[in-house]
Amino acid sequence: MAKKKAVVAEPAEFELQVLGTLWEHGPGTVRQVMERLSDGKERAYTSVLSVMQVMQKKGLLEVAVERDGLAHIFKPLVSRKQVAVPLLRGLVTKIFGGSTKTAMQHLLAETVDRDEINEMRKLLDEIERGKKNP
């Protein structure tokens, strides 16, 4: 019997920022997450804590067993891939009529350096090899 994929609640914009900091830096306290947020907005500790508690209820975060003094340490329960794939798939469908090629053309119209292009070529080669050798 095929395994069912766990359904991940679609995170709100701020929740994505919180997840992004935890994916990049590993588990952290509310204060650590606040310091690492990339949008530069001032937020109250209690506001960030509330959002992270809601994320815990949604199954996006959990409190680790260990603590940092009295502070809880939060860690993501979902991977970047579990969140990114459905979000990107939905974006491609809504904005580009489902055309991955058109979406990529728009992304690549921005400045992309030679190293990134080489990495993308390797990735495309791997994808193509995987489709030929199931």
C-alpha atoms as a PDB file:
ATOM      1  CA  MET A   1       0.000   0.000   0.000  1.00  0.00           C
ATOM      2  CA  ALA A   2       1.380   3.421  -0.960  1.00  0.00           C
ATOM      3  CA  LYS A   3       2.317   5.776   1.855  1.00  0.00           C
ATOM      4  CA  LYS A   4       0.279   8.961   2.066  1.00  0.00           C
ATOM      5  CA  LYS A   5       2.266  12.176   2.137  1.00  0.00           C
ATOM      6  CA  ALA A   6       1.610  14.282   5.200  1.00  0.00           C
ATOM      7  CA  VAL A   7      -0.372  17.385   4.383  1.00  0.00           C
ATOM      8  CA  VAL A   8       1.517  20.491   5.442  1.00  0.00           C
ATOM      9  CA  ALA A   9      -0.492  23.549   6.413  1.00  0.00           C
ATOM     10  CA  GLU A  10       0.411  26.423   4.108  1.00  0.00           C
ATOM     11  CA  PRO A  11       2.432  28.846   6.215  1.00  0.00           C
ATOM     12  CA  ALA A  12       1.577  32.549   6.205  1.00  0.00           C
ATOM     13  CA  GLU A  13       4.239  35.015   5.014  1.00  0.00           C
ATOM     14  CA  PHE A  14       5.659  35.705   8.479  1.00  0.00           C
ATOM     15  CA  GLU A  15       5.591  31.993   9.311  1.00  0.00           C
ATOM     16  CA  LEU A  16       7.711  31.381   6.197  1.00  0.00           C
ATOM     17  CA  GLN A  17      10.258  33.888   7.501  1.00  0.00           C
ATOM     18  CA  VAL A  18      10.375  32.096  10.855  1.00  0.00           C
ATOM     19  CA  LEU A  19      10.817  28.738   9.135  1.00  0.00           C
ATOM     20  CA  GLY A  20      13.506  30.228   6.894  1.00  0.00           C
ATOM     21  CA  THR A  21      15.586  31.296   9.887  1.00  0.00           C
ATOM     22  CA  LEU A  22      15.233  27.883  11.511  1.00  0.00           C
ATOM     23  CA  TRP A  23      16.128  26.061   8.286  1.00  0.00           C
ATOM     24  CA  GLU A  24      19.184  28.276   7.789  1.00  0.00           C
ATOM     25  CA  HIS A  25      20.467  28.428  11.373  1.00  0.00           C
ATOM     26  CA  GLY A  26      18.981  25.378  13.056  1.00  0.00           C
ATOM     27  CA  PRO A  27      16.787  25.243  16.149  1.00  0.00           C
ATOM     28  CA  GLY A  28      16.520  28.443  18.142  1.00  0.00           C
ATOM     29  CA  THR A  29      14.760  30.469  20.779  1.00  0.00           C
ATOM     30  CA  VAL A  30      12.201  33.163  20.030  1.00  0.00           C
ATOM     31  CA  ARG A  31      14.877  35.811  20.666  1.00  0.00           C
ATOM     32  CA  GLN A  32      17.302  34.130  18.233  1.00  0.00           C
ATOM     33  CA  VAL A  33      14.606  33.937  15.562  1.00  0.00           C
ATOM     34  CA  MET A  34      13.800  37.634  16.102  1.00  0.00           C
ATOM     35  CA  GLU A  35      17.462  38.598  15.629  1.00  0.00           C
ATOM     36  CA  ARG A  36      17.716  36.602  12.393  1.00  0.00           C
ATOM     37  CA  LEU A  37      14.565  37.809  10.642  1.00  0.00           C
ATOM     38  CA  SER A  38      15.541  39.289   7.306  1.00  0.00           C
ATOM     39  CA  ASP A  39      12.823  41.905   6.842  1.00  0.00           C
ATOM     40  CA  GLY A  40      14.255  44.301   9.433  1.00  0.00           C
ATOM     41  CA  LYS A  41      10.875  45.065  11.029  1.00  0.00           C
ATOM     42  CA  GLU A  42      10.669  45.715  14.756  1.00  0.00           C
ATOM     43  CA  ARG A  43       8.451  43.161  16.462  1.00  0.00           C
ATOM     44  CA  ALA A  44       7.519  42.568  20.072  1.00  0.00           C
ATOM     45  CA  TYR A  45       8.864  39.399  21.634  1.00  0.00           C
ATOM     46  CA  THR A  46       5.342  38.361  22.612  1.00  0.00           C
ATOM     47  CA  SER A  47       4.115  38.788  19.023  1.00  0.00           C
ATOM     48  CA  VAL A  48       6.811  36.493  17.648  1.00  0.00           C
ATOM     49  CA  LEU A  49       6.222  34.019  20.477  1.00  0.00           C
ATOM     50  CA  SER A  50       2.487  33.966  19.700  1.00  0.00           C
ATOM     51  CA  VAL A  51       3.123  33.271  16.017  1.00  0.00           C
ATOM     52  CA  MET A  52       5.557  30.485  16.865  1.00  0.00           C
ATOM     53  CA  GLN A  53       3.035  28.942  19.266  1.00  0.00           C
ATOM     54  CA  VAL A  54       0.402  29.003  16.522  1.00  0.00           C
ATOM     55  CA  MET A  55       2.937  27.362  14.207  1.00  0.00           C
ATOM     56  CA  GLN A  56       3.415  24.677  16.837  1.00  0.00           C
ATOM     57  CA  LYS A  57      -0.349  24.019  16.876  1.00  0.00           C
ATOM     58  CA  LYS A  58      -0.343  23.835  13.060  1.00  0.00           C
ATOM     59  CA  GLY A  59       2.368  21.166  13.197  1.00  0.00           C
ATOM     60  CA  LEU A  60       5.052  23.379  11.634  1.00  0.00           C
ATOM     61  CA  LEU A  61       7.250  23.681  14.748  1.00  0.00           C
ATOM     62  CA  GLU A  62       7.906  21.791  17.937  1.00  0.00           C
ATOM     63  CA  VAL A  63       9.600  22.673  21.185  1.00  0.00           C
ATOM     64  CA  ALA A  64      12.825  20.736  21.602  1.00  0.00           C
ATOM     65  CA  VAL A  65      13.458  18.796  24.813  1.00  0.00           C
ATOM     66  CA  GLU A  66      16.528  20.882  25.600  1.00  0.00           C
ATOM     67  CA  ARG A  67      16.289  24.523  26.683  1.00  0.00           C
ATOM     68  CA  ASP A  68      18.460  27.616  26.549  1.00  0.00           C
ATOM     69  CA  GLY A  69      18.248  28.626  30.192  1.00  0.00           C
ATOM     70  CA  LEU A  70      14.539  29.202  30.713  1.00  0.00           C
ATOM     71  CA  ALA A  71      13.808  29.779  27.020  1.00  0.00           C
ATOM     72  CA  HIS A  72      12.246  27.102  24.849  1.00  0.00           C
ATOM     73  CA  ILE A  73      14.130  26.057  21.750  1.00  0.00           C
ATOM     74  CA  PHE A  74      11.943  25.665  18.674  1.00  0.00           C
ATOM     75  CA  LYS A  75      12.712  23.461  15.711  1.00  0.00           C
ATOM     76  CA  PRO A  76      10.887  22.952  12.429  1.00  0.00           C
ATOM     77  CA  LEU A  77       8.790  19.835  11.919  1.00  0.00           C
ATOM     78  CA  VAL A  78       8.665  20.399   8.174  1.00  0.00           C
ATOM     79  CA  SER A  79      11.479  20.577   5.649  1.00  0.00           C
ATOM     80  CA  ARG A  80      12.046  23.396   3.219  1.00  0.00           C
ATOM     81  CA  LYS A  81      11.136  20.991   0.423  1.00  0.00           C
ATOM     82  CA  GLN A  82       7.804  20.012   2.037  1.00  0.00           C
ATOM     83  CA  VAL A  83       6.826  23.677   2.116  1.00  0.00           C
ATOM     84  CA  ALA A  84       8.495  25.002  -1.034  1.00  0.00           C
ATOM     85  CA  VAL A  85       7.351  22.405  -3.553  1.00  0.00           C
ATOM     86  CA  PRO A  86       3.585  22.939  -3.153  1.00  0.00           C
ATOM     87  CA  LEU A  87       3.995  26.723  -2.873  1.00  0.00           C
ATOM     88  CA  LEU A  88       6.113  26.909  -6.015  1.00  0.00           C
ATOM     89  CA  ARG A  89       3.862  24.484  -7.875  1.00  0.00           C
ATOM     90  CA  GLY A  90       0.859  26.661  -7.003  1.00  0.00           C
ATOM     91  CA  LEU A  91       2.678  29.820  -8.076  1.00  0.00           C
ATOM     92  CA  VAL A  92       3.661  28.291 -11.415  1.00  0.00           C
ATOM     93  CA  THR A  93       0.076  27.159 -11.974  1.00  0.00           C
ATOM     94  CA  LYS A  94      -1.518  30.479 -11.022  1.00  0.00           C
ATOM     95  CA  ILE A  95       0.910  32.876 -12.677  1.00  0.00           C
ATOM     96  CA  PHE A  96       2.447  30.911 -15.540  1.00  0.00           C
ATOM     97  CA  GLY A  97      -0.433  28.609 -16.506  1.00  0.00           C
ATOM     98  CA  GLY A  98       1.506  25.604 -15.223  1.00  0.00           C
ATOM     99  CA  SER A  99       4.513  26.237 -17.479  1.00  0.00           C
ATOM    100  CA  THR A 100       7.708  25.551 -15.538  1.00  0.00           C
ATOM    101  CA  LYS A 101       9.683  26.687 -18.595  1.00  0.00           C
ATOM    102  CA  THR A 102       8.041  30.131 -18.584  1.00  0.00           C
ATOM    103  CA  ALA A 103       8.560  30.468 -14.827  1.00  0.00           C
ATOM    104  CA  MET A 104      12.242  29.592 -15.238  1.00  0.00           C
ATOM    105  CA  GLN A 105      12.614  32.104 -18.064  1.00  0.00           C
ATOM    106  CA  HIS A 106      11.332  34.825 -15.746  1.00  0.00           C
ATOM    107  CA  LEU A 107      13.645  33.747 -12.931  1.00  0.00           C
ATOM    108  CA  LEU A 108      16.633  33.565 -15.245  1.00  0.00           C
ATOM    109  CA  ALA A 109      15.911  36.991 -16.719  1.00  0.00           C
ATOM    110  CA  GLU A 110      17.386  38.348 -13.483  1.00  0.00           C
ATOM    111  CA  THR A 111      21.130  38.374 -12.998  1.00  0.00           C
ATOM    112  CA  VAL A 112      22.396  34.824 -12.717  1.00  0.00           C
ATOM    113  CA  ASP A 113      26.121  34.243 -12.428  1.00  0.00           C
ATOM    114  CA  ARG A 114      28.141  31.610 -14.269  1.00  0.00           C
ATOM    115  CA  ASP A 115      28.464  29.365 -11.187  1.00  0.00           C
ATOM    116  CA  GLU A 116      24.687  29.280 -10.714  1.00  0.00           C
ATOM    117  CA  ILE A 117      24.185  28.427 -14.388  1.00  0.00           C
ATOM    118  CA  ASN A 118      26.674  25.551 -14.097  1.00  0.00           C
ATOM    119  CA  GLU A 119      24.912  24.254 -10.975  1.00  0.00           C
ATOM    120  CA  MET A 120      21.553  24.423 -12.781  1.00  0.00           C
ATOM    121  CA  ARG A 121      22.992  22.471 -15.720  1.00  0.00           C
ATOM    122  CA  LYS A 122      24.174  19.748 -13.329  1.00  0.00           C
ATOM    123  CA  LEU A 123      20.754  19.634 -11.683  1.00  0.00           C
ATOM    124  CA  LEU A 124      18.986  19.383 -15.061  1.00  0.00           C
ATOM    125  CA  ASP A 125      21.360  16.584 -16.093  1.00  0.00           C
ATOM    126  CA  GLU A 126      20.588  14.703 -12.862  1.00  0.00           C
ATOM    127  CA  ILE A 127      16.848  15.126 -13.405  1.00  0.00           C
ATOM    128  CA  GLU A 128      17.146  13.905 -16.979  1.00  0.00           C
ATOM    129  CA  ARG A 129      19.250  10.885 -15.943  1.00  0.00           C
ATOM    130  CA  GLY A 130      16.693  10.009 -13.261  1.00  0.00           C
ATOM    131  CA  LYS A 131      13.854  10.002 -15.802  1.00  0.00           C
ATOM    132  CA  LYS A 132      15.790   7.724 -18.159  1.00  0.00           C
ATOM    133  CA  ASN A 133      16.811   5.274 -15.398  1.00  0.00           C
ATOM    134  CA  PRO A 134      13.757   4.696 -13.186  1.00  0.00           C
END
